[in-house]
Structures are given as structure tokens and as C-alpha cells.
């Protein structure tokens, strides 16, 4: 599956710190549990990538609709 392909899979996502100082991204979907642990620096890099992707996605969807003539 490519990153730009639609999917019908629903998942729950949780993000938080662990008791050992890591940042956990926890994904649960269709009977599967996937805990992903990152050190704080890696987590910040992921956060920066998420923000950059959100900005690009926002720019793709921000073409103004044509104004209606009165």
C-alpha cells in the first residue's frame, strides 16, 4: 500500500510518554496492537515531519473556489 492510497481500515492512535523516558505511538487496528517507542529527539523529528506534511496537504486543498457572478 502506498502512502497516497485510500484505505477502509480504521485505527486508534495514542501518543504519550513511557515510564522509561521514551515517547510511544500506540496504534490499535483490527485486533492488532503496535507500540512504537522513540527517544525524545526522534519524536521531535516525527512531529516536524507531521507539521510539514500538514502544511503541504493544506496547500493542496486550499485552492479558492471560483466566485459566483451576481
PDB file of N, CA and C in Angstrom:
ATOM      1  N   UNK A   1       0.852  -1.169   0.000  1.00  0.00           N
ATOM      2  CA  UNK A   1       0.000   0.000   0.000  1.00  0.00           C
ATOM      3  C   UNK A   1       0.901   1.238   0.000  1.00  0.00           C
ATOM      4  N   UNK A   2       0.627   2.159  -0.874  1.00  0.00           N
ATOM      5  CA  UNK A   2       1.407   3.394  -0.901  1.00  0.00           C
ATOM      6  C   UNK A   2       0.810   4.401   0.075  1.00  0.00           C
ATOM      7  N   UNK A   3       1.554   5.412   0.379  1.00  0.00           N
ATOM      8  CA  UNK A   3       1.113   6.400   1.368  1.00  0.00           C
ATOM      9  C   UNK A   3      -0.081   7.211   0.860  1.00  0.00           C
ATOM     10  N   UNK A   4      -0.281   7.262  -0.447  1.00  0.00           N
ATOM     11  CA  UNK A   4      -1.351   8.085  -1.009  1.00  0.00           C
ATOM     12  C   UNK A   4      -2.570   7.258  -1.418  1.00  0.00           C
ATOM     13  N   UNK A   5      -2.642   5.991  -1.009  1.00  0.00           N
ATOM     14  CA  UNK A   5      -3.764   5.132  -1.367  1.00  0.00           C
ATOM     15  C   UNK A   5      -4.822   5.149  -0.267  1.00  0.00           C
ATOM     16  N   UNK A   6      -6.079   5.256  -0.659  1.00  0.00           N
ATOM     17  CA  UNK A   6      -7.187   5.250   0.286  1.00  0.00           C
ATOM     18  C   UNK A   6      -7.285   3.889   0.963  1.00  0.00           C
ATOM     19  N   UNK A   7      -7.798   3.867   2.180  1.00  0.00           N
ATOM     20  CA  UNK A   7      -7.950   2.631   2.931  1.00  0.00           C
ATOM     21  C   UNK A   7      -9.236   2.675   3.738  1.00  0.00           C
ATOM     22  N   UNK A   8      -9.840   1.523   3.922  1.00  0.00           N
ATOM     23  CA  UNK A   8     -11.038   1.417   4.745  1.00  0.00           C
ATOM     24  C   UNK A   8     -10.713   0.964   6.163  1.00  0.00           C
ATOM     25  N   UNK A   9      -9.437   0.783   6.469  1.00  0.00           N
ATOM     26  CA  UNK A   9      -9.029   0.324   7.791  1.00  0.00           C
ATOM     27  C   UNK A   9      -9.151   1.466   8.794  1.00  0.00           C
ATOM     28  N   UNK A  10      -9.814   1.191   9.890  1.00  0.00           N
ATOM     29  CA  UNK A  10      -9.930   2.174  10.970  1.00  0.00           C
ATOM     30  C   UNK A  10      -8.954   1.792  12.074  1.00  0.00           C
ATOM     31  N   UNK A  11      -8.351   2.795  12.690  1.00  0.00           N
ATOM     32  CA  UNK A  11      -7.382   2.526  13.751  1.00  0.00           C
ATOM     33  C   UNK A  11      -7.498   3.579  14.841  1.00  0.00           C
ATOM     34  N   UNK A  12      -7.101   3.188  16.027  1.00  0.00           N
ATOM     35  CA  UNK A  12      -6.998   4.116  17.145  1.00  0.00           C
ATOM     36  C   UNK A  12      -5.527   4.464  17.320  1.00  0.00           C
ATOM     37  N   UNK A  13      -5.249   5.722  17.618  1.00  0.00           N
ATOM     38  CA  UNK A  13      -3.885   6.197  17.778  1.00  0.00           C
ATOM     39  C   UNK A  13      -3.769   6.910  19.113  1.00  0.00           C
ATOM     40  N   UNK A  14      -2.765   6.516  19.890  1.00  0.00           N
ATOM     41  CA  UNK A  14      -2.484   7.175  21.155  1.00  0.00           C
ATOM     42  C   UNK A  14      -1.011   7.560  21.162  1.00  0.00           C
ATOM     43  N   UNK A  15      -0.692   8.704  21.733  1.00  0.00           N
ATOM     44  CA  UNK A  15       0.684   9.167  21.816  1.00  0.00           C
ATOM     45  C   UNK A  15       0.927   9.665  23.233  1.00  0.00           C
ATOM     46  N   UNK A  16       2.041   9.244  23.825  1.00  0.00           N
ATOM     47  CA  UNK A  16       2.353   9.707  25.169  1.00  0.00           C
ATOM     48  C   UNK A  16       3.714   9.215  25.626  1.00  0.00           C
ATOM     49  N   UNK A  17       4.150   9.706  26.775  1.00  0.00           N
ATOM     50  CA  UNK A  17       5.441   9.287  27.306  1.00  0.00           C
ATOM     51  C   UNK A  17       5.346   7.925  27.997  1.00  0.00           C
ATOM     52  N   UNK A  18       6.456   7.199  28.012  1.00  0.00           N
ATOM     53  CA  UNK A  18       6.518   5.938  28.752  1.00  0.00           C
ATOM     54  C   UNK A  18       7.228   6.184  30.078  1.00  0.00           C
ATOM     55  N   UNK A  19       7.196   5.204  30.945  1.00  0.00           N
ATOM     56  CA  UNK A  19       7.825   5.323  32.262  1.00  0.00           C
ATOM     57  C   UNK A  19       9.352   5.304  32.192  1.00  0.00           C
ATOM     58  N   UNK A  20       9.904   4.990  31.014  1.00  0.00           N
ATOM     59  CA  UNK A  20      11.370   4.948  30.874  1.00  0.00           C
ATOM     60  C   UNK A  20      11.891   6.098  30.018  1.00  0.00           C
ATOM     61  N   UNK A  21      11.063   7.149  29.829  1.00  0.00           N
ATOM     62  CA  UNK A  21      11.526   8.344  29.142  1.00  0.00           C
ATOM     63  C   UNK A  21      11.481   8.290  27.627  1.00  0.00           C
ATOM     64  N   UNK A  22      10.702   7.386  27.084  1.00  0.00           N
ATOM     65  CA  UNK A  22      10.524   7.309  25.637  1.00  0.00           C
ATOM     66  C   UNK A  22       9.167   7.922  25.288  1.00  0.00           C
ATOM     67  N   UNK A  23       8.973   8.183  24.008  1.00  0.00           N
ATOM     68  CA  UNK A  23       7.673   8.635  23.511  1.00  0.00           C
ATOM     69  C   UNK A  23       7.079   7.460  22.740  1.00  0.00           C
ATOM     70  N   UNK A  24       5.873   7.070  23.111  1.00  0.00           N
ATOM     71  CA  UNK A  24       5.230   5.923  22.462  1.00  0.00           C
ATOM     72  C   UNK A  24       4.096   6.392  21.571  1.00  0.00           C
ATOM     73  N   UNK A  25       4.117   5.888  20.345  1.00  0.00           N
ATOM     74  CA  UNK A  25       2.974   5.997  19.437  1.00  0.00           C
ATOM     75  C   UNK A  25       2.362   4.604  19.432  1.00  0.00           C
ATOM     76  N   UNK A  26       1.129   4.508  19.879  1.00  0.00           N
ATOM     77  CA  UNK A  26       0.452   3.224  20.035  1.00  0.00           C
ATOM     78  C   UNK A  26      -0.699   3.173  19.040  1.00  0.00           C
ATOM     79  N   UNK A  27      -0.664   2.164  18.165  1.00  0.00           N
ATOM     80  CA  UNK A  27      -1.681   2.012  17.131  1.00  0.00           C
ATOM     81  C   UNK A  27      -2.411   0.697  17.369  1.00  0.00           C
ATOM     82  N   UNK A  28      -3.739   0.757  17.341  1.00  0.00           N
ATOM     83  CA  UNK A  28      -4.567  -0.426  17.514  1.00  0.00           C
ATOM     84  C   UNK A  28      -5.577  -0.474  16.376  1.00  0.00           C
ATOM     85  N   UNK A  29      -5.566  -1.595  15.629  1.00  0.00           N
ATOM     86  CA  UNK A  29      -6.487  -1.735  14.499  1.00  0.00           C
ATOM     87  C   UNK A  29      -6.775  -3.202  14.235  1.00  0.00           C
ATOM     88  N   UNK A  30      -8.038  -3.518  14.056  1.00  0.00           N
ATOM     89  CA  UNK A  30      -8.480  -4.852  13.661  1.00  0.00           C
ATOM     90  C   UNK A  30      -7.748  -5.972  14.395  1.00  0.00           C
ATOM     91  N   UNK A  31      -7.748  -5.922  15.712  1.00  0.00           N
ATOM     92  CA  UNK A  31      -7.123  -6.964  16.511  1.00  0.00           C
ATOM     93  C   UNK A  31      -5.602  -6.902  16.564  1.00  0.00           C
ATOM     94  N   UNK A  32      -5.013  -5.851  16.057  1.00  0.00           N
ATOM     95  CA  UNK A  32      -3.564  -5.692  16.054  1.00  0.00           C
ATOM     96  C   UNK A  32      -3.182  -4.538  16.972  1.00  0.00           C
ATOM     97  N   UNK A  33      -2.135  -4.716  17.738  1.00  0.00           N
ATOM     98  CA  UNK A  33      -1.603  -3.654  18.585  1.00  0.00           C
ATOM     99  C   UNK A  33      -0.156  -3.423  18.190  1.00  0.00           C
ATOM    100  N   UNK A  34       0.214  -2.162  17.978  1.00  0.00           N
ATOM    101  CA  UNK A  34       1.562  -1.837  17.534  1.00  0.00           C
ATOM    102  C   UNK A  34       2.114  -0.680  18.364  1.00  0.00           C
ATOM    103  N   UNK A  35       2.920  -0.988  19.387  1.00  0.00           N
ATOM    104  CA  UNK A  35       3.557   0.066  20.164  1.00  0.00           C
ATOM    105  C   UNK A  35       4.888   0.451  19.507  1.00  0.00           C
ATOM    106  N   UNK A  36       5.065   1.721  19.221  1.00  0.00           N
ATOM    107  CA  UNK A  36       6.300   2.213  18.612  1.00  0.00           C
ATOM    108  C   UNK A  36       6.937   3.201  19.576  1.00  0.00           C
ATOM    109  N   UNK A  37       8.134   2.904  20.058  1.00  0.00           N
ATOM    110  CA  UNK A  37       8.816   3.764  21.015  1.00  0.00           C
ATOM    111  C   UNK A  37       9.950   4.530  20.353  1.00  0.00           C
ATOM    112  N   UNK A  38      10.054   5.822  20.692  1.00  0.00           N
ATOM    113  CA  UNK A  38      11.069   6.708  20.119  1.00  0.00           C
ATOM    114  C   UNK A  38      11.702   7.514  21.241  1.00  0.00           C
ATOM    115  N   UNK A  39      13.000   7.809  21.087  1.00  0.00           N
ATOM    116  CA  UNK A  39      13.592   8.716  22.070  1.00  0.00           C
ATOM    117  C   UNK A  39      13.049  10.119  21.774  1.00  0.00           C
ATOM    118  N   UNK A  40      13.142  11.030  22.728  1.00  0.00           N
ATOM    119  CA  UNK A  40      12.542  12.350  22.542  1.00  0.00           C
ATOM    120  C   UNK A  40      13.014  13.087  21.285  1.00  0.00           C
ATOM    121  N   UNK A  41      14.290  12.960  20.918  1.00  0.00           N
ATOM    122  CA  UNK A  41      14.778  13.627  19.702  1.00  0.00           C
ATOM    123  C   UNK A  41      14.118  13.068  18.445  1.00  0.00           C
ATOM    124  N   UNK A  42      13.980  11.742  18.396  1.00  0.00           N
ATOM    125  CA  UNK A  42      13.291  11.124  17.257  1.00  0.00           C
ATOM    126  C   UNK A  42      11.830  11.565  17.205  1.00  0.00           C
ATOM    127  N   UNK A  43      11.196  11.657  18.364  1.00  0.00           N
ATOM    128  CA  UNK A  43       9.796  12.074  18.419  1.00  0.00           C
ATOM    129  C   UNK A  43       9.632  13.497  17.893  1.00  0.00           C
ATOM    130  N   UNK A  44      10.583  14.367  18.219  1.00  0.00           N
ATOM    131  CA  UNK A  44      10.523  15.741  17.707  1.00  0.00           C
ATOM    132  C   UNK A  44      10.683  15.766  16.189  1.00  0.00           C
ATOM    133  N   UNK A  45      11.549  14.912  15.652  1.00  0.00           N
ATOM    134  CA  UNK A  45      11.712  14.836  14.192  1.00  0.00           C
ATOM    135  C   UNK A  45      10.416  14.384  13.540  1.00  0.00           C
ATOM    136  N   UNK A  46       9.748  13.395  14.147  1.00  0.00           N
ATOM    137  CA  UNK A  46       8.464  12.916  13.625  1.00  0.00           C
ATOM    138  C   UNK A  46       7.434  14.036  13.672  1.00  0.00           C
ATOM    139  N   UNK A  47       7.411  14.781  14.769  1.00  0.00           N
ATOM    140  CA  UNK A  47       6.470  15.897  14.899  1.00  0.00           C
ATOM    141  C   UNK A  47       6.715  16.943  13.818  1.00  0.00           C
ATOM    142  N   UNK A  48       7.972  17.230  13.526  1.00  0.00           N
ATOM    143  CA  UNK A  48       8.298  18.192  12.465  1.00  0.00           C
ATOM    144  C   UNK A  48       7.835  17.682  11.106  1.00  0.00           C
ATOM    145  N   UNK A  49       8.013  16.371  10.859  1.00  0.00           N
ATOM    146  CA  UNK A  49       7.557  15.788   9.596  1.00  0.00           C
ATOM    147  C   UNK A  49       6.039  15.856   9.483  1.00  0.00           C
ATOM    148  N   UNK A  50       5.336  15.609  10.587  1.00  0.00           N
ATOM    149  CA  UNK A  50       3.867  15.709  10.582  1.00  0.00           C
ATOM    150  C   UNK A  50       3.415  17.134  10.271  1.00  0.00           C
ATOM    151  N   UNK A  51       4.050  18.109  10.895  1.00  0.00           N
ATOM    152  CA  UNK A  51       3.689  19.505  10.638  1.00  0.00           C
ATOM    153  C   UNK A  51       3.960  19.895   9.190  1.00  0.00           C
ATOM    154  N   UNK A  52       5.090  19.460   8.642  1.00  0.00           N
ATOM    155  CA  UNK A  52       5.415  19.776   7.247  1.00  0.00           C
ATOM    156  C   UNK A  52       4.410  19.120   6.299  1.00  0.00           C
ATOM    157  N   UNK A  53       4.026  17.882   6.588  1.00  0.00           N
ATOM    158  CA  UNK A  53       3.037  17.198   5.744  1.00  0.00           C
ATOM    159  C   UNK A  53       1.681  17.882   5.836  1.00  0.00           C
ATOM    160  N   UNK A  54       1.312  18.336   7.029  1.00  0.00           N
ATOM    161  CA  UNK A  54       0.033  19.048   7.193  1.00  0.00           C
ATOM    162  C   UNK A  54       0.037  20.340   6.388  1.00  0.00           C
ATOM    163  N   UNK A  55       1.151  21.053   6.400  1.00  0.00           N
ATOM    164  CA  UNK A  55       1.243  22.287   5.613  1.00  0.00           C
ATOM    165  C   UNK A  55       1.111  22.001   4.120  1.00  0.00           C
ATOM    166  N   UNK A  56       1.781  20.944   3.647  1.00  0.00           N
ATOM    167  CA  UNK A  56       1.676  20.595   2.214  1.00  0.00           C
ATOM    168  C   UNK A  56       0.255  20.174   1.858  1.00  0.00           C
ATOM    169  N   UNK A  57      -0.376  19.382   2.724  1.00  0.00           N
ATOM    170  CA  UNK A  57      -1.750  18.938   2.464  1.00  0.00           C
ATOM    171  C   UNK A  57      -2.703  20.123   2.463  1.00  0.00           C
ATOM    172  N   UNK A  58      -2.497  21.045   3.396  1.00  0.00           N
ATOM    173  CA  UNK A  58      -3.345  22.235   3.461  1.00  0.00           C
ATOM    174  C   UNK A  58      -3.204  23.050   2.180  1.00  0.00           C
ATOM    175  N   UNK A  59      -1.987  23.173   1.682  1.00  0.00           N
ATOM    176  CA  UNK A  59      -1.750  23.935   0.451  1.00  0.00           C
ATOM    177  C   UNK A  59      -2.419  23.260  -0.749  1.00  0.00           C
ATOM    178  N   UNK A  60      -2.453  21.946  -0.771  1.00  0.00           N
ATOM    179  CA  UNK A  60      -3.095  21.218  -1.877  1.00  0.00           C
ATOM    180  C   UNK A  60      -4.594  21.454  -1.898  1.00  0.00           C
ATOM    181  N   UNK A  61      -5.200  21.572  -0.712  1.00  0.00           N
ATOM    182  CA  UNK A  61      -6.648  21.706  -0.627  1.00  0.00           C
ATOM    183  C   UNK A  61      -7.119  23.127  -0.476  1.00  0.00           C
ATOM    184  N   UNK A  62      -6.227  24.096  -0.623  1.00  0.00           N
ATOM    185  CA  UNK A  62      -6.631  25.471  -0.344  1.00  0.00           C
ATOM    186  C   UNK A  62      -6.897  26.300  -1.592  1.00  0.00           C
ATOM    187  N   UNK A  63      -7.068  25.642  -2.738  1.00  0.00           N
ATOM    188  CA  UNK A  63      -7.411  26.406  -3.936  1.00  0.00           C
ATOM    189  C   UNK A  63      -8.775  27.050  -3.712  1.00  0.00           C
ATOM    190  N   UNK A  64      -8.847  28.370  -3.794  1.00  0.00           N
ATOM    191  CA  UNK A  64     -10.135  29.021  -3.539  1.00  0.00           C
ATOM    192  C   UNK A  64     -11.167  28.635  -4.596  1.00  0.00           C
ATOM    193  N   UNK A  65     -12.386  28.483  -4.146  1.00  0.00           N
ATOM    194  CA  UNK A  65     -13.481  28.176  -5.076  1.00  0.00           C
ATOM    195  C   UNK A  65     -13.755  29.396  -5.922  1.00  0.00           C
ATOM    196  N   UNK A  66     -14.124  29.182  -7.188  1.00  0.00           N
ATOM    197  CA  UNK A  66     -14.422  30.331  -8.039  1.00  0.00           C
ATOM    198  C   UNK A  66     -15.605  31.119  -7.471  1.00  0.00           C
ATOM    199  N   UNK A  67     -15.523  32.437  -7.548  1.00  0.00           N
ATOM    200  CA  UNK A  67     -16.601  33.282  -7.051  1.00  0.00           C
ATOM    201  C   UNK A  67     -17.779  33.243  -8.027  1.00  0.00           C
ATOM    202  N   UNK A  68     -18.975  33.213  -7.447  1.00  0.00           N
ATOM    203  CA  UNK A  68     -20.172  33.200  -8.269  1.00  0.00           C
ATOM    204  C   UNK A  68     -20.464  34.621  -8.745  1.00  0.00           C
ATOM    205  N   UNK A  69     -20.880  34.727 -10.006  1.00  0.00           N
ATOM    206  CA  UNK A  69     -21.260  36.042 -10.555  1.00  0.00           C
ATOM    207  C   UNK A  69     -22.660  36.379 -10.089  1.00  0.00           C
ATOM    208  N   UNK A  70     -22.871  37.620  -9.783  1.00  0.00           N
ATOM    209  CA  UNK A  70     -24.212  38.059  -9.331  1.00  0.00           C
ATOM    210  C   UNK A  70     -24.958  38.691 -10.435  1.00  0.00           C
TER     211      UNK A  70
END
